[in-house]
Amino acid sequence: YFASVSYILTRVDNQILSFHITNRSQTNEIHSTYASSAVNYDMKTGVSLILDDILLPNWSGSMLAERICEALSDISDNLDPDYKTIIQQRFAKGAGGNTAWYFSDTGLCFYFDPYDIAPFFMGVITAEIPYSQLGDLLRPEYCPAKPESSGAWSVEPWFPDSNQRFSFVIPMSTDADGESV
């Protein structure tokens, strides 16, 4: 039996702090369990973002679902026969999928845990829509800025209220042999 948590920083710049979190555990003899989540912060306001915050006011759930399905077209033979309907329902305006996404350096990523739209053997599925295909959906301030020089970038998070800072507490222990748990 095991449990693991991974935090993958997916985009950090002067506008966005975004990361994808995967919890995986084996508590039975069949197979492991996955649970994914994502955190997206606006670095200028310190506010946690949902889809309604980053998409243009006239965004359409069907337009977004269509782009997600296009990004999954190369694996569509392995997906649930009803995956398009599931995606449309999950990413409709006001639906629960408002947090099942994250920013990357190259696009907006939408993720699905095992059994969401595919069998377990497919694992966590990610559909990335490149920023170049999001011009009519994504607010311009959330597209990555093009570097003005070839110099190094540095990011110092700023929050107007110190209570908006975030932190992680990860308890760890070891077994009798000194192996991490």
C-alpha atoms as a PDB file:
ATOM      1  CA  TYR A   1       0.000   0.000   0.000  1.00  0.00           C
ATOM      2  CA  PHE A   2       1.204   3.504  -0.716  1.00  0.00           C
ATOM      3  CA  ALA A   3       0.216   7.142  -1.039  1.00  0.00           C
ATOM      4  CA  SER A   4       1.888   9.876  -3.056  1.00  0.00           C
ATOM      5  CA  VAL A   5       1.183  13.521  -3.782  1.00  0.00           C
ATOM      6  CA  SER A   6       2.843  15.480  -6.549  1.00  0.00           C
ATOM      7  CA  TYR A   7       2.724  19.247  -7.024  1.00  0.00           C
ATOM      8  CA  ILE A   8       3.729  20.254 -10.526  1.00  0.00           C
ATOM      9  CA  LEU A   9       4.327  23.936 -11.112  1.00  0.00           C
ATOM     10  CA  THR A  10       2.874  24.512 -14.569  1.00  0.00           C
ATOM     11  CA  ARG A  11       3.185  28.278 -15.072  1.00  0.00           C
ATOM     12  CA  VAL A  12       4.723  31.121 -13.098  1.00  0.00           C
ATOM     13  CA  ASP A  13       5.018  34.641 -14.463  1.00  0.00           C
ATOM     14  CA  ASN A  14       4.059  38.163 -13.455  1.00  0.00           C
ATOM     15  CA  GLN A  15       0.354  37.367 -14.055  1.00  0.00           C
ATOM     16  CA  ILE A  16      -0.144  33.681 -13.136  1.00  0.00           C
ATOM     17  CA  LEU A  17       0.858  31.082 -10.567  1.00  0.00           C
ATOM     18  CA  SER A  18      -0.562  27.724 -11.621  1.00  0.00           C
ATOM     19  CA  PHE A  19       0.060  24.157 -10.523  1.00  0.00           C
ATOM     20  CA  HIS A  20      -1.461  20.712 -10.933  1.00  0.00           C
ATOM     21  CA  ILE A  21      -1.751  18.355  -7.988  1.00  0.00           C
ATOM     22  CA  THR A  22      -2.103  14.582  -8.264  1.00  0.00           C
ATOM     23  CA  ASN A  23      -2.920  12.398  -5.260  1.00  0.00           C
ATOM     24  CA  ARG A  24      -2.402   8.711  -5.839  1.00  0.00           C
ATOM     25  CA  SER A  25      -2.918   5.915  -3.331  1.00  0.00           C
ATOM     26  CA  GLN A  26      -3.211   2.152  -3.179  1.00  0.00           C
ATOM     27  CA  THR A  27      -5.509   1.067  -0.387  1.00  0.00           C
ATOM     28  CA  ASN A  28      -6.849  -2.153  -1.845  1.00  0.00           C
ATOM     29  CA  GLU A  29      -5.596  -5.060  -3.907  1.00  0.00           C
ATOM     30  CA  ILE A  30      -7.223  -4.028  -7.192  1.00  0.00           C
ATOM     31  CA  HIS A  31      -5.508  -0.820  -8.333  1.00  0.00           C
ATOM     32  CA  SER A  32      -4.594   2.641  -7.201  1.00  0.00           C
ATOM     33  CA  THR A  33      -6.865   5.658  -6.859  1.00  0.00           C
ATOM     34  CA  TYR A  34      -6.175   9.045  -8.458  1.00  0.00           C
ATOM     35  CA  ALA A  35      -7.522  12.433  -7.474  1.00  0.00           C
ATOM     36  CA  SER A  36      -6.334  15.499  -9.372  1.00  0.00           C
ATOM     37  CA  SER A  37      -6.797  19.145  -8.586  1.00  0.00           C
ATOM     38  CA  ALA A  38      -5.330  22.425  -9.737  1.00  0.00           C
ATOM     39  CA  VAL A  39      -4.672  25.821  -8.240  1.00  0.00           C
ATOM     40  CA  ASN A  40      -4.547  28.967 -10.359  1.00  0.00           C
ATOM     41  CA  TYR A  41      -3.772  32.381  -8.839  1.00  0.00           C
ATOM     42  CA  ASP A  42      -3.771  35.807 -10.370  1.00  0.00           C
ATOM     43  CA  MET A  43      -0.403  37.144  -9.160  1.00  0.00           C
ATOM     44  CA  LYS A  44      -1.554  40.759  -9.418  1.00  0.00           C
ATOM     45  CA  THR A  45      -4.630  40.348  -7.216  1.00  0.00           C
ATOM     46  CA  GLY A  46      -3.824  37.201  -5.201  1.00  0.00           C
ATOM     47  CA  VAL A  47      -7.232  35.788  -6.148  1.00  0.00           C
ATOM     48  CA  SER A  48      -7.810  32.114  -6.937  1.00  0.00           C
ATOM     49  CA  LEU A  49      -9.205  31.823 -10.478  1.00  0.00           C
ATOM     50  CA  ILE A  50     -12.057  29.841 -12.022  1.00  0.00           C
ATOM     51  CA  LEU A  51     -12.975  29.634 -15.718  1.00  0.00           C
ATOM     52  CA  ASP A  52     -15.433  32.523 -15.501  1.00  0.00           C
ATOM     53  CA  ASP A  53     -12.555  34.751 -14.347  1.00  0.00           C
ATOM     54  CA  ILE A  54     -10.208  33.990 -17.243  1.00  0.00           C
ATOM     55  CA  LEU A  55     -12.587  33.571 -20.174  1.00  0.00           C
ATOM     56  CA  LEU A  56     -14.213  36.437 -22.061  1.00  0.00           C
ATOM     57  CA  PRO A  57     -17.749  37.332 -20.864  1.00  0.00           C
ATOM     58  CA  ASN A  58     -19.378  35.855 -23.979  1.00  0.00           C
ATOM     59  CA  TRP A  59     -17.629  32.479 -23.708  1.00  0.00           C
ATOM     60  CA  SER A  60     -19.663  29.471 -24.614  1.00  0.00           C
ATOM     61  CA  GLY A  61     -19.435  26.098 -22.922  1.00  0.00           C
ATOM     62  CA  SER A  62     -20.030  24.391 -26.254  1.00  0.00           C
ATOM     63  CA  MET A  63     -17.127  26.296 -27.897  1.00  0.00           C
ATOM     64  CA  LEU A  64     -14.826  25.323 -25.046  1.00  0.00           C
ATOM     65  CA  ALA A  65     -15.996  21.690 -25.094  1.00  0.00           C
ATOM     66  CA  GLU A  66     -15.416  21.539 -28.846  1.00  0.00           C
ATOM     67  CA  ARG A  67     -11.808  22.706 -28.425  1.00  0.00           C
ATOM     68  CA  ILE A  68     -11.195  20.213 -25.604  1.00  0.00           C
ATOM     69  CA  CYS A  69     -12.583  17.391 -27.760  1.00  0.00           C
ATOM     70  CA  GLU A  70     -10.337  18.480 -30.662  1.00  0.00           C
ATOM     71  CA  ALA A  71      -7.332  18.283 -28.331  1.00  0.00           C
ATOM     72  CA  LEU A  72      -8.345  14.701 -27.459  1.00  0.00           C
ATOM     73  CA  SER A  73      -9.005  13.597 -31.037  1.00  0.00           C
ATOM     74  CA  ASP A  74      -5.824  11.494 -31.296  1.00  0.00           C
ATOM     75  CA  ILE A  75      -6.963   9.266 -28.393  1.00  0.00           C
ATOM     76  CA  SER A  76     -10.734   9.389 -28.995  1.00  0.00           C
ATOM     77  CA  ASP A  77     -10.857   5.663 -29.860  1.00  0.00           C
ATOM     78  CA  ASN A  78      -9.912   4.872 -26.242  1.00  0.00           C
ATOM     79  CA  LEU A  79     -12.404   7.276 -24.658  1.00  0.00           C
ATOM     80  CA  ASP A  80     -15.885   6.648 -23.294  1.00  0.00           C
ATOM     81  CA  PRO A  81     -18.397   6.666 -26.187  1.00  0.00           C
ATOM     82  CA  ASP A  82     -20.167   9.534 -24.400  1.00  0.00           C
ATOM     83  CA  TYR A  83     -17.039  11.602 -23.644  1.00  0.00           C
ATOM     84  CA  LYS A  84     -18.187  14.622 -25.670  1.00  0.00           C
ATOM     85  CA  THR A  85     -21.401  14.900 -23.653  1.00  0.00           C
ATOM     86  CA  ILE A  86     -19.487  14.471 -20.387  1.00  0.00           C
ATOM     87  CA  ILE A  87     -17.073  17.267 -21.367  1.00  0.00           C
ATOM     88  CA  GLN A  88     -19.942  19.573 -22.418  1.00  0.00           C
ATOM     89  CA  GLN A  89     -21.671  19.041 -19.072  1.00  0.00           C
ATOM     90  CA  ARG A  90     -18.497  19.436 -17.007  1.00  0.00           C
ATOM     91  CA  PHE A  91     -17.360  22.667 -18.667  1.00  0.00           C
ATOM     92  CA  ALA A  92     -20.714  24.394 -19.164  1.00  0.00           C
ATOM     93  CA  LYS A  93     -20.982  27.845 -17.562  1.00  0.00           C
ATOM     94  CA  GLY A  94     -21.404  27.453 -13.800  1.00  0.00           C
ATOM     95  CA  ALA A  95     -20.657  23.698 -13.839  1.00  0.00           C
ATOM     96  CA  GLY A  96     -18.318  21.880 -11.449  1.00  0.00           C
ATOM     97  CA  GLY A  97     -15.501  21.693 -14.018  1.00  0.00           C
ATOM     98  CA  ASN A  98     -14.670  25.320 -13.379  1.00  0.00           C
ATOM     99  CA  THR A  99     -11.608  24.173 -11.431  1.00  0.00           C
ATOM    100  CA  ALA A 100     -10.539  21.106 -13.495  1.00  0.00           C
ATOM    101  CA  TRP A 101      -7.965  23.064 -15.505  1.00  0.00           C
ATOM    102  CA  TYR A 102      -4.622  24.822 -15.190  1.00  0.00           C
ATOM    103  CA  PHE A 103      -2.321  27.106 -17.148  1.00  0.00           C
ATOM    104  CA  SER A 104       0.851  25.848 -18.791  1.00  0.00           C
ATOM    105  CA  ASP A 105       3.522  27.855 -20.573  1.00  0.00           C
ATOM    106  CA  THR A 106       1.985  26.877 -23.926  1.00  0.00           C
ATOM    107  CA  GLY A 107      -1.772  26.616 -23.339  1.00  0.00           C
ATOM    108  CA  LEU A 108      -4.761  25.972 -21.135  1.00  0.00           C
ATOM    109  CA  CYS A 109      -4.920  22.361 -19.872  1.00  0.00           C
ATOM    110  CA  PHE A 110      -8.074  20.466 -18.902  1.00  0.00           C
ATOM    111  CA  TYR A 111      -7.676  17.215 -16.981  1.00  0.00           C
ATOM    112  CA  PHE A 112      -9.734  14.117 -16.328  1.00  0.00           C
ATOM    113  CA  ASP A 113      -9.080  11.470 -13.676  1.00  0.00           C
ATOM    114  CA  PRO A 114      -9.332   7.758 -14.506  1.00  0.00           C
ATOM    115  CA  TYR A 115     -12.938   6.713 -15.234  1.00  0.00           C
ATOM    116  CA  ASP A 116     -14.042  10.329 -15.904  1.00  0.00           C
ATOM    117  CA  ILE A 117     -13.958   9.884 -19.692  1.00  0.00           C
ATOM    118  CA  ALA A 118     -11.765   6.817 -20.176  1.00  0.00           C
ATOM    119  CA  PRO A 119     -10.890   3.453 -18.607  1.00  0.00           C
ATOM    120  CA  PHE A 120      -8.431   3.239 -15.733  1.00  0.00           C
ATOM    121  CA  PHE A 121      -5.490   2.113 -17.894  1.00  0.00           C
ATOM    122  CA  MET A 122      -5.484   5.525 -19.629  1.00  0.00           C
ATOM    123  CA  GLY A 123      -4.538   7.240 -16.347  1.00  0.00           C
ATOM    124  CA  VAL A 124      -5.046  10.969 -15.887  1.00  0.00           C
ATOM    125  CA  ILE A 125      -5.912  12.497 -19.269  1.00  0.00           C
ATOM    126  CA  THR A 126      -4.915  16.047 -20.149  1.00  0.00           C
ATOM    127  CA  ALA A 127      -6.205  18.062 -23.096  1.00  0.00           C
ATOM    128  CA  GLU A 128      -4.127  21.157 -23.829  1.00  0.00           C
ATOM    129  CA  ILE A 129      -5.507  23.962 -25.987  1.00  0.00           C
ATOM    130  CA  PRO A 130      -2.668  26.197 -27.219  1.00  0.00           C
ATOM    131  CA  TYR A 131      -2.964  29.911 -26.417  1.00  0.00           C
ATOM    132  CA  SER A 132      -2.933  30.589 -30.171  1.00  0.00           C
ATOM    133  CA  GLN A 133      -6.334  28.822 -30.394  1.00  0.00           C
ATOM    134  CA  LEU A 134      -7.874  30.687 -27.459  1.00  0.00           C
ATOM    135  CA  GLY A 135      -7.975  34.239 -28.842  1.00  0.00           C
ATOM    136  CA  ASP A 136     -11.787  34.321 -28.948  1.00  0.00           C
ATOM    137  CA  LEU A 137     -12.198  32.744 -25.486  1.00  0.00           C
ATOM    138  CA  LEU A 138      -9.342  33.786 -23.181  1.00  0.00           C
ATOM    139  CA  ARG A 139      -8.979  37.259 -21.667  1.00  0.00           C
ATOM    140  CA  PRO A 140      -5.777  38.763 -23.117  1.00  0.00           C
ATOM    141  CA  GLU A 141      -4.230  39.445 -19.697  1.00  0.00           C
ATOM    142  CA  TYR A 142      -4.017  35.690 -19.060  1.00  0.00           C
ATOM    143  CA  CYS A 143      -2.029  34.911 -22.202  1.00  0.00           C
ATOM    144  CA  PRO A 144       1.658  34.677 -21.378  1.00  0.00           C
ATOM    145  CA  ALA A 145       3.617  37.845 -22.051  1.00  0.00           C
ATOM    146  CA  LYS A 146       6.281  37.624 -24.698  1.00  0.00           C
ATOM    147  CA  PRO A 147       9.693  38.323 -23.195  1.00  0.00           C
ATOM    148  CA  GLU A 148      11.026  41.751 -24.120  1.00  0.00           C
ATOM    149  CA  SER A 149      14.609  40.561 -23.979  1.00  0.00           C
ATOM    150  CA  SER A 150      16.503  37.314 -23.924  1.00  0.00           C
ATOM    151  CA  GLY A 151      17.484  37.911 -20.284  1.00  0.00           C
ATOM    152  CA  ALA A 152      16.391  35.886 -17.305  1.00  0.00           C
ATOM    153  CA  TRP A 153      12.948  36.189 -15.755  1.00  0.00           C
ATOM    154  CA  SER A 154      12.332  36.437 -12.066  1.00  0.00           C
ATOM    155  CA  VAL A 155       9.021  36.438 -10.285  1.00  0.00           C
ATOM    156  CA  GLU A 156       8.297  37.822  -6.855  1.00  0.00           C
ATOM    157  CA  PRO A 157       4.707  37.135  -5.823  1.00  0.00           C
ATOM    158  CA  TRP A 158       2.915  40.189  -4.501  1.00  0.00           C
ATOM    159  CA  PHE A 159      -0.342  40.094  -2.634  1.00  0.00           C
ATOM    160  CA  PRO A 160      -2.076  43.283  -1.493  1.00  0.00           C
ATOM    161  CA  ASP A 161      -3.170  41.604   1.723  1.00  0.00           C
ATOM    162  CA  SER A 162      -0.722  39.397   3.632  1.00  0.00           C
ATOM    163  CA  ASN A 163      -3.643  37.090   4.575  1.00  0.00           C
ATOM    164  CA  GLN A 164      -3.843  35.996   0.929  1.00  0.00           C
ATOM    165  CA  ARG A 165      -0.528  34.159   0.994  1.00  0.00           C
ATOM    166  CA  PHE A 166      -0.568  30.408   0.596  1.00  0.00           C
ATOM    167  CA  SER A 167       1.479  27.629   2.113  1.00  0.00           C
ATOM    168  CA  PHE A 168       1.647  23.862   2.203  1.00  0.00           C
ATOM    169  CA  VAL A 169       2.047  21.579   5.162  1.00  0.00           C
ATOM    170  CA  ILE A 170       3.113  18.097   4.174  1.00  0.00           C
ATOM    171  CA  PRO A 171       3.382  15.678   7.113  1.00  0.00           C
ATOM    172  CA  MET A 172       5.962  12.964   6.599  1.00  0.00           C
ATOM    173  CA  SER A 173       6.959   9.940   8.625  1.00  0.00           C
ATOM    174  CA  THR A 174       9.251   6.991   8.175  1.00  0.00           C
ATOM    175  CA  ASP A 175       8.793   3.318   8.814  1.00  0.00           C
ATOM    176  CA  ALA A 176      11.135   1.191  10.901  1.00  0.00           C
ATOM    177  CA  ASP A 177      13.541   0.808   7.960  1.00  0.00           C
ATOM    178  CA  GLY A 178      13.778   4.534   7.378  1.00  0.00           C
ATOM    179  CA  GLU A 179      11.750   4.484   4.163  1.00  0.00           C
ATOM    180  CA  SER A 180       9.662   7.571   3.465  1.00  0.00           C
ATOM    181  CA  VAL A 181       5.897   7.126   3.728  1.00  0.00           C
END
